[in-house]
Amino acid sequence: MTSAAEKLGALFAIEPGINHPLYDNYAVRRVLDAVDSPNLFVIFDLANLISKDNYKDQGTILSEAARLYGPQICTFHLKDVDFINGQKVTVPFGSGIIDVDRYISFINQLKPFTFATFEATKENQLDSALAVFHQAEKKSKAIIKALQ
């Protein structure tokens, strides 16, 4: 697929997730190295990499992704999750256990002015998700400005 993408001048993107073949950041790096194509990129969705066992380690997950394949991330999904009766469920952005401030800061530091899309946020939930996003973005910009 990447050879076809190269011929067409198109991008081909993979998306990791704990229930996908690319179940962690290291599996993503192995695929990127094995395929070795300038047209292979990553769609990053923090919620996909969260489990009951690692949800407190979001900072580690993000720093690993930045270190292992940050330049190859082409877009981000803005989604949230929670655990209800032991099951992982997708919830609107900002209403679950994702550390939104950390995630938006990660995006802004790694790929400022990039593309991102909301997932699992219905139209009637969009205003609250956007408010959470804008609040986190303001905090992130303040942090980045302080670091300069």
N, C-alpha and C. Protein backbone atom coordinates (compact mmCIF):
# COMPACT_ATOMS: atom_id res chain seq x y z
N MET A 1 0.81 -1.18 0.00
CA MET A 1 0.00 0.00 0.00
C MET A 1 0.86 1.26 0.00
N THR A 2 1.96 1.21 0.73
CA THR A 2 2.81 2.40 0.75
C THR A 2 3.48 2.64 -0.59
N SER A 3 3.80 1.59 -1.33
CA SER A 3 4.39 1.81 -2.65
C SER A 3 3.38 2.49 -3.58
N ALA A 4 2.11 2.11 -3.46
CA ALA A 4 1.07 2.79 -4.25
C ALA A 4 0.93 4.23 -3.79
N ALA A 5 0.98 4.47 -2.50
CA ALA A 5 0.91 5.84 -1.98
C ALA A 5 2.08 6.67 -2.49
N GLU A 6 3.26 6.08 -2.52
CA GLU A 6 4.43 6.80 -3.03
C GLU A 6 4.25 7.18 -4.49
N LYS A 7 3.75 6.26 -5.30
CA LYS A 7 3.54 6.53 -6.72
C LYS A 7 2.50 7.62 -6.94
N LEU A 8 1.48 7.64 -6.08
CA LEU A 8 0.39 8.61 -6.22
C LEU A 8 0.67 9.93 -5.50
N GLY A 9 1.74 9.97 -4.72
CA GLY A 9 2.01 11.17 -3.93
C GLY A 9 1.02 11.32 -2.79
N ALA A 10 0.51 10.21 -2.31
CA ALA A 10 -0.48 10.20 -1.24
C ALA A 10 0.16 9.73 0.06
N LEU A 11 -0.53 9.98 1.15
CA LEU A 11 -0.10 9.49 2.46
C LEU A 11 -0.90 8.24 2.80
N PHE A 12 -0.28 7.33 3.51
CA PHE A 12 -0.95 6.16 4.05
C PHE A 12 -0.73 6.22 5.55
N ALA A 13 -1.80 6.15 6.34
CA ALA A 13 -1.67 6.30 7.79
C ALA A 13 -2.18 5.07 8.52
N ILE A 14 -1.47 4.74 9.59
CA ILE A 14 -1.85 3.65 10.48
C ILE A 14 -2.28 4.26 11.81
N GLU A 15 -3.13 3.54 12.53
CA GLU A 15 -3.63 4.05 13.81
C GLU A 15 -3.46 2.99 14.90
N PRO A 16 -2.61 3.27 15.88
CA PRO A 16 -2.41 2.30 16.95
C PRO A 16 -3.58 2.29 17.94
N GLY A 17 -3.71 1.17 18.61
CA GLY A 17 -4.70 1.01 19.67
C GLY A 17 -4.47 -0.30 20.38
N ILE A 18 -4.78 -0.35 21.65
CA ILE A 18 -4.48 -1.56 22.43
C ILE A 18 -5.19 -2.79 21.92
N ASN A 19 -6.29 -2.62 21.20
CA ASN A 19 -6.99 -3.78 20.64
C ASN A 19 -6.73 -3.91 19.14
N HIS A 20 -5.68 -3.26 18.64
CA HIS A 20 -5.28 -3.33 17.24
C HIS A 20 -3.98 -4.13 17.14
N PRO A 21 -3.59 -4.54 15.93
CA PRO A 21 -2.27 -5.18 15.79
C PRO A 21 -1.14 -4.25 16.25
N LEU A 22 -1.33 -2.95 16.10
CA LEU A 22 -0.35 -1.97 16.59
C LEU A 22 -0.79 -1.55 17.99
N TYR A 23 -0.53 -2.42 18.95
CA TYR A 23 -1.11 -2.31 20.29
C TYR A 23 -0.37 -1.37 21.24
N ASP A 24 0.82 -0.89 20.84
CA ASP A 24 1.53 0.08 21.68
C ASP A 24 2.49 0.88 20.80
N ASN A 25 3.13 1.86 21.41
CA ASN A 25 4.03 2.74 20.66
C ASN A 25 5.22 2.01 20.04
N TYR A 26 5.69 0.97 20.70
CA TYR A 26 6.85 0.24 20.19
C TYR A 26 6.47 -0.59 18.95
N ALA A 27 5.26 -1.12 18.92
CA ALA A 27 4.80 -1.85 17.73
C ALA A 27 4.71 -0.90 16.53
N VAL A 28 4.27 0.33 16.78
CA VAL A 28 4.21 1.33 15.71
C VAL A 28 5.61 1.60 15.16
N ARG A 29 6.56 1.80 16.05
CA ARG A 29 7.94 2.07 15.61
C ARG A 29 8.48 0.92 14.78
N ARG A 30 8.19 -0.34 15.20
CA ARG A 30 8.67 -1.50 14.44
C ARG A 30 8.09 -1.52 13.03
N VAL A 31 6.82 -1.19 12.89
CA VAL A 31 6.20 -1.16 11.56
C VAL A 31 6.79 -0.03 10.72
N LEU A 32 6.94 1.14 11.31
CA LEU A 32 7.54 2.26 10.56
C LEU A 32 8.94 1.91 10.07
N ASP A 33 9.72 1.23 10.91
CA ASP A 33 11.07 0.83 10.51
C ASP A 33 11.04 -0.25 9.44
N ALA A 34 10.15 -1.23 9.59
CA ALA A 34 10.08 -2.34 8.63
C ALA A 34 9.60 -1.88 7.27
N VAL A 35 8.64 -0.99 7.23
CA VAL A 35 8.08 -0.52 5.96
C VAL A 35 8.99 0.54 5.34
N ASP A 36 9.53 1.41 6.16
CA ASP A 36 10.50 2.42 5.72
C ASP A 36 10.04 3.18 4.47
N SER A 37 8.88 3.83 4.58
CA SER A 37 8.35 4.62 3.47
C SER A 37 8.15 6.06 3.92
N PRO A 38 8.54 7.02 3.10
CA PRO A 38 8.31 8.42 3.46
C PRO A 38 6.83 8.80 3.41
N ASN A 39 5.99 7.90 2.90
CA ASN A 39 4.56 8.18 2.79
C ASN A 39 3.73 7.48 3.87
N LEU A 40 4.39 6.81 4.80
CA LEU A 40 3.69 6.13 5.89
C LEU A 40 3.67 7.02 7.12
N PHE A 41 2.49 7.29 7.62
CA PHE A 41 2.30 8.17 8.76
C PHE A 41 1.41 7.51 9.81
N VAL A 42 1.19 8.23 10.91
CA VAL A 42 0.42 7.72 12.04
C VAL A 42 -0.71 8.69 12.36
N ILE A 43 -1.89 8.11 12.59
CA ILE A 43 -3.01 8.85 13.17
C ILE A 43 -2.94 8.55 14.67
N PHE A 44 -2.77 9.58 15.48
CA PHE A 44 -2.60 9.35 16.91
C PHE A 44 -3.89 9.63 17.67
N ASP A 45 -4.30 8.67 18.47
CA ASP A 45 -5.50 8.78 19.31
C ASP A 45 -5.14 8.22 20.68
N LEU A 46 -4.89 9.12 21.62
CA LEU A 46 -4.49 8.69 22.97
C LEU A 46 -5.50 7.73 23.57
N ALA A 47 -6.79 7.97 23.35
CA ALA A 47 -7.82 7.11 23.93
C ALA A 47 -7.67 5.66 23.49
N ASN A 48 -7.18 5.45 22.27
CA ASN A 48 -6.99 4.08 21.77
C ASN A 48 -5.92 3.32 22.54
N LEU A 49 -5.00 4.03 23.13
CA LEU A 49 -3.87 3.39 23.82
C LEU A 49 -4.08 3.28 25.33
N ILE A 50 -5.25 3.68 25.80
CA ILE A 50 -5.56 3.67 27.24
C ILE A 50 -6.25 2.37 27.62
N SER A 51 -5.82 1.81 28.75
CA SER A 51 -6.46 0.62 29.32
C SER A 51 -6.68 0.84 30.81
N LYS A 52 -7.37 -0.09 31.45
CA LYS A 52 -7.56 -0.01 32.90
C LYS A 52 -6.22 -0.03 33.62
N ASP A 53 -5.25 -0.68 33.02
CA ASP A 53 -3.94 -0.83 33.65
C ASP A 53 -3.01 0.37 33.47
N ASN A 54 -3.21 1.16 32.40
CA ASN A 54 -2.22 2.21 32.12
C ASN A 54 -2.79 3.63 32.09
N TYR A 55 -4.05 3.82 32.43
CA TYR A 55 -4.64 5.15 32.27
C TYR A 55 -3.94 6.21 33.12
N LYS A 56 -3.25 5.81 34.17
CA LYS A 56 -2.50 6.78 34.98
C LYS A 56 -1.15 7.12 34.37
N ASP A 57 -0.77 6.42 33.30
CA ASP A 57 0.53 6.61 32.66
C ASP A 57 0.42 7.37 31.34
N GLN A 58 -0.55 8.26 31.22
CA GLN A 58 -0.76 8.97 29.96
C GLN A 58 0.47 9.80 29.57
N GLY A 59 1.15 10.38 30.53
CA GLY A 59 2.35 11.14 30.22
C GLY A 59 3.42 10.28 29.58
N THR A 60 3.59 9.08 30.08
CA THR A 60 4.56 8.14 29.51
C THR A 60 4.16 7.74 28.11
N ILE A 61 2.89 7.45 27.90
CA ILE A 61 2.41 7.07 26.57
C ILE A 61 2.69 8.19 25.57
N LEU A 62 2.40 9.43 25.97
CA LEU A 62 2.61 10.56 25.08
C LEU A 62 4.10 10.81 24.81
N SER A 63 4.92 10.74 25.84
CA SER A 63 6.35 10.99 25.62
C SER A 63 6.98 9.89 24.77
N GLU A 64 6.54 8.64 24.95
CA GLU A 64 7.03 7.56 24.09
C GLU A 64 6.64 7.80 22.64
N ALA A 65 5.40 8.18 22.42
CA ALA A 65 4.94 8.44 21.04
C ALA A 65 5.76 9.55 20.41
N ALA A 66 5.99 10.62 21.15
CA ALA A 66 6.78 11.74 20.62
C ALA A 66 8.20 11.29 20.28
N ARG A 67 8.79 10.53 21.15
CA ARG A 67 10.17 10.08 20.96
C ARG A 67 10.28 9.04 19.84
N LEU A 68 9.34 8.11 19.79
CA LEU A 68 9.45 6.99 18.86
C LEU A 68 8.98 7.32 17.44
N TYR A 69 7.95 8.17 17.32
CA TYR A 69 7.44 8.44 15.97
C TYR A 69 6.73 9.78 15.84
N GLY A 70 7.04 10.72 16.70
CA GLY A 70 6.39 12.03 16.66
C GLY A 70 6.36 12.69 15.31
N PRO A 71 7.48 12.75 14.59
CA PRO A 71 7.46 13.41 13.27
C PRO A 71 6.56 12.72 12.25
N GLN A 72 6.25 11.45 12.46
CA GLN A 72 5.41 10.73 11.52
C GLN A 72 3.92 10.81 11.85
N ILE A 73 3.55 11.52 12.90
CA ILE A 73 2.13 11.72 13.20
C ILE A 73 1.60 12.77 12.23
N CYS A 74 0.52 12.43 11.54
CA CYS A 74 -0.04 13.37 10.56
C CYS A 74 -1.34 14.02 11.04
N THR A 75 -2.01 13.41 11.99
CA THR A 75 -3.25 13.97 12.53
C THR A 75 -3.56 13.32 13.87
N PHE A 76 -4.49 13.93 14.58
CA PHE A 76 -4.86 13.46 15.92
C PHE A 76 -6.37 13.29 16.01
N HIS A 77 -6.78 12.30 16.78
CA HIS A 77 -8.19 12.13 17.11
C HIS A 77 -8.41 12.66 18.52
N LEU A 78 -9.46 13.41 18.68
CA LEU A 78 -9.85 13.94 19.98
C LEU A 78 -11.04 13.13 20.46
N LYS A 79 -10.76 12.21 21.34
CA LYS A 79 -11.76 11.27 21.84
C LYS A 79 -11.45 11.04 23.30
N ASP A 80 -12.42 10.58 24.03
CA ASP A 80 -12.22 10.30 25.44
C ASP A 80 -12.81 8.94 25.76
N VAL A 81 -12.38 8.38 26.86
CA VAL A 81 -12.88 7.08 27.31
C VAL A 81 -13.11 7.11 28.81
N ASP A 82 -13.89 6.15 29.26
CA ASP A 82 -14.10 5.93 30.68
C ASP A 82 -14.27 4.44 30.87
N PHE A 83 -14.25 3.99 32.10
CA PHE A 83 -14.46 2.58 32.40
C PHE A 83 -15.73 2.48 33.22
N ILE A 84 -16.72 1.81 32.65
CA ILE A 84 -18.02 1.66 33.28
C ILE A 84 -18.28 0.17 33.44
N ASN A 85 -18.50 -0.25 34.68
CA ASN A 85 -18.68 -1.67 34.99
C ASN A 85 -17.53 -2.51 34.43
N GLY A 86 -16.31 -1.97 34.51
CA GLY A 86 -15.13 -2.68 34.06
C GLY A 86 -14.90 -2.66 32.56
N GLN A 87 -15.80 -2.04 31.81
CA GLN A 87 -15.67 -2.00 30.36
C GLN A 87 -15.22 -0.62 29.90
N LYS A 88 -14.33 -0.61 28.93
CA LYS A 88 -13.89 0.65 28.33
C LYS A 88 -14.96 1.13 27.38
N VAL A 89 -15.41 2.36 27.59
CA VAL A 89 -16.43 2.94 26.71
C VAL A 89 -15.95 4.29 26.21
N THR A 90 -16.30 4.60 24.98
CA THR A 90 -15.96 5.88 24.38
C THR A 90 -16.99 6.91 24.83
N VAL A 91 -16.49 8.06 25.22
CA VAL A 91 -17.35 9.16 25.68
C VAL A 91 -16.91 10.45 24.97
N PRO A 92 -17.75 11.48 25.00
CA PRO A 92 -17.38 12.73 24.35
C PRO A 92 -16.09 13.31 24.93
N PHE A 93 -15.35 13.98 24.09
CA PHE A 93 -14.08 14.57 24.49
C PHE A 93 -14.27 15.50 25.69
N GLY A 94 -13.43 15.27 26.72
CA GLY A 94 -13.47 16.09 27.92
C GLY A 94 -14.37 15.55 29.01
N SER A 95 -15.03 14.43 28.78
CA SER A 95 -15.94 13.90 29.79
C SER A 95 -15.50 12.57 30.37
N GLY A 96 -14.28 12.16 30.07
CA GLY A 96 -13.78 10.87 30.56
C GLY A 96 -12.48 11.03 31.32
N ILE A 97 -11.60 10.06 31.15
CA ILE A 97 -10.36 10.02 31.94
C ILE A 97 -9.13 10.52 31.19
N ILE A 98 -9.27 10.92 29.95
CA ILE A 98 -8.13 11.47 29.22
C ILE A 98 -7.71 12.77 29.90
N ASP A 99 -6.41 12.93 30.11
CA ASP A 99 -5.86 14.17 30.65
C ASP A 99 -5.82 15.17 29.49
N VAL A 100 -6.93 15.87 29.31
CA VAL A 100 -7.11 16.76 28.17
C VAL A 100 -6.03 17.82 28.11
N ASP A 101 -5.71 18.44 29.23
CA ASP A 101 -4.69 19.49 29.23
C ASP A 101 -3.36 18.95 28.73
N ARG A 102 -2.98 17.79 29.20
CA ARG A 102 -1.71 17.18 28.78
C ARG A 102 -1.75 16.79 27.31
N TYR A 103 -2.87 16.25 26.86
CA TYR A 103 -2.99 15.81 25.47
C TYR A 103 -2.93 16.99 24.51
N ILE A 104 -3.64 18.05 24.81
CA ILE A 104 -3.63 19.23 23.93
C ILE A 104 -2.24 19.88 23.96
N SER A 105 -1.60 19.92 25.10
CA SER A 105 -0.25 20.46 25.19
C SER A 105 0.71 19.62 24.34
N PHE A 106 0.57 18.31 24.41
CA PHE A 106 1.37 17.39 23.59
C PHE A 106 1.19 17.70 22.11
N ILE A 107 -0.05 17.85 21.67
CA ILE A 107 -0.34 18.15 20.27
C ILE A 107 0.28 19.48 19.88
N ASN A 108 0.07 20.51 20.70
CA ASN A 108 0.57 21.84 20.38
C ASN A 108 2.09 21.91 20.35
N GLN A 109 2.75 21.17 21.20
CA GLN A 109 4.21 21.17 21.21
C GLN A 109 4.77 20.35 20.04
N LEU A 110 4.12 19.24 19.75
CA LEU A 110 4.63 18.34 18.71
C LEU A 110 4.29 18.83 17.30
N LYS A 111 3.05 19.24 17.10
CA LYS A 111 2.57 19.62 15.77
C LYS A 111 1.64 20.83 15.86
N PRO A 112 2.18 22.00 16.15
CA PRO A 112 1.29 23.17 16.20
C PRO A 112 0.62 23.40 14.84
N PHE A 113 -0.59 23.85 14.87
CA PHE A 113 -1.39 24.15 13.66
C PHE A 113 -1.70 22.90 12.84
N THR A 114 -1.79 21.76 13.49
CA THR A 114 -2.08 20.51 12.79
C THR A 114 -3.58 20.27 12.70
N PHE A 115 -3.95 19.19 12.06
CA PHE A 115 -5.34 18.77 11.97
C PHE A 115 -5.67 17.83 13.11
N ALA A 116 -6.89 17.94 13.60
CA ALA A 116 -7.40 17.02 14.61
C ALA A 116 -8.90 16.92 14.42
N THR A 117 -9.44 15.76 14.70
CA THR A 117 -10.88 15.57 14.55
C THR A 117 -11.47 14.98 15.83
N PHE A 118 -12.67 15.46 16.17
CA PHE A 118 -13.40 14.87 17.28
C PHE A 118 -13.95 13.52 16.84
N GLU A 119 -13.90 12.57 17.74
CA GLU A 119 -14.53 11.27 17.53
C GLU A 119 -15.42 10.98 18.72
N ALA A 120 -16.52 10.30 18.48
CA ALA A 120 -17.46 9.89 19.53
C ALA A 120 -18.06 11.08 20.27
N THR A 121 -18.11 12.22 19.62
CA THR A 121 -18.75 13.39 20.18
C THR A 121 -19.92 13.72 19.26
N LYS A 122 -21.11 13.54 19.78
CA LYS A 122 -22.30 13.80 18.97
C LYS A 122 -22.55 15.29 18.85
N GLU A 123 -23.37 15.65 17.89
CA GLU A 123 -23.62 17.07 17.61
C GLU A 123 -24.08 17.83 18.85
N ASN A 124 -24.96 17.23 19.64
CA ASN A 124 -25.46 17.92 20.83
C ASN A 124 -24.42 17.99 21.96
N GLN A 125 -23.27 17.35 21.79
CA GLN A 125 -22.19 17.39 22.78
C GLN A 125 -21.02 18.24 22.30
N LEU A 126 -21.12 18.74 21.09
CA LEU A 126 -19.99 19.44 20.47
C LEU A 126 -19.63 20.73 21.21
N ASP A 127 -20.61 21.50 21.65
CA ASP A 127 -20.32 22.76 22.34
C ASP A 127 -19.48 22.52 23.59
N SER A 128 -19.84 21.51 24.39
CA SER A 128 -19.06 21.26 25.60
C SER A 128 -17.67 20.72 25.27
N ALA A 129 -17.56 19.88 24.24
CA ALA A 129 -16.24 19.36 23.84
C ALA A 129 -15.35 20.49 23.33
N LEU A 130 -15.93 21.41 22.56
CA LEU A 130 -15.16 22.55 22.07
C LEU A 130 -14.72 23.46 23.21
N ALA A 131 -15.58 23.65 24.19
CA ALA A 131 -15.21 24.47 25.35
C ALA A 131 -14.04 23.86 26.10
N VAL A 132 -14.08 22.55 26.31
CA VAL A 132 -12.98 21.85 26.98
C VAL A 132 -11.70 21.99 26.15
N PHE A 133 -11.83 21.81 24.84
CA PHE A 133 -10.68 21.93 23.95
C PHE A 133 -10.07 23.33 24.04
N HIS A 134 -10.90 24.36 23.92
CA HIS A 134 -10.39 25.74 23.92
C HIS A 134 -9.74 26.10 25.26
N GLN A 135 -10.30 25.62 26.35
CA GLN A 135 -9.72 25.88 27.66
C GLN A 135 -8.34 25.22 27.76
N ALA A 136 -8.23 23.98 27.31
CA ALA A 136 -6.95 23.28 27.34
C ALA A 136 -5.95 23.93 26.40
N GLU A 137 -6.42 24.41 25.26
CA GLU A 137 -5.53 25.07 24.30
C GLU A 137 -4.95 26.35 24.89
N LYS A 138 -5.76 27.13 25.60
CA LYS A 138 -5.26 28.36 26.24
C LYS A 138 -4.18 28.03 27.26
N LYS A 139 -4.41 26.99 28.06
CA LYS A 139 -3.41 26.57 29.05
C LYS A 139 -2.13 26.14 28.36
N SER A 140 -2.28 25.38 27.27
CA SER A 140 -1.12 24.88 26.54
C SER A 140 -0.30 26.02 25.97
N LYS A 141 -0.96 26.98 25.37
CA LYS A 141 -0.24 28.13 24.79
C LYS A 141 0.48 28.92 25.86
N ALA A 142 -0.11 29.04 27.04
CA ALA A 142 0.54 29.74 28.14
C ALA A 142 1.80 28.99 28.58
N ILE A 143 1.71 27.67 28.62
CA ILE A 143 2.86 26.86 29.01
C ILE A 143 3.96 26.99 27.97
N ILE A 144 3.60 26.88 26.70
CA ILE A 144 4.60 26.99 25.63
C ILE A 144 5.26 28.37 25.65
N LYS A 145 4.47 29.41 25.84
CA LYS A 145 5.02 30.76 25.89
C LYS A 145 6.00 30.91 27.07
N ALA A 146 5.66 30.31 28.20
CA ALA A 146 6.53 30.38 29.38
C ALA A 146 7.85 29.66 29.15
N LEU A 147 7.83 28.63 28.31
CA LEU A 147 9.04 27.86 28.03
C LEU A 147 9.97 28.57 27.05
N GLN A 148 9.47 29.57 26.35
CA GLN A 148 10.29 30.24 25.34
C GLN A 148 11.22 31.26 25.94
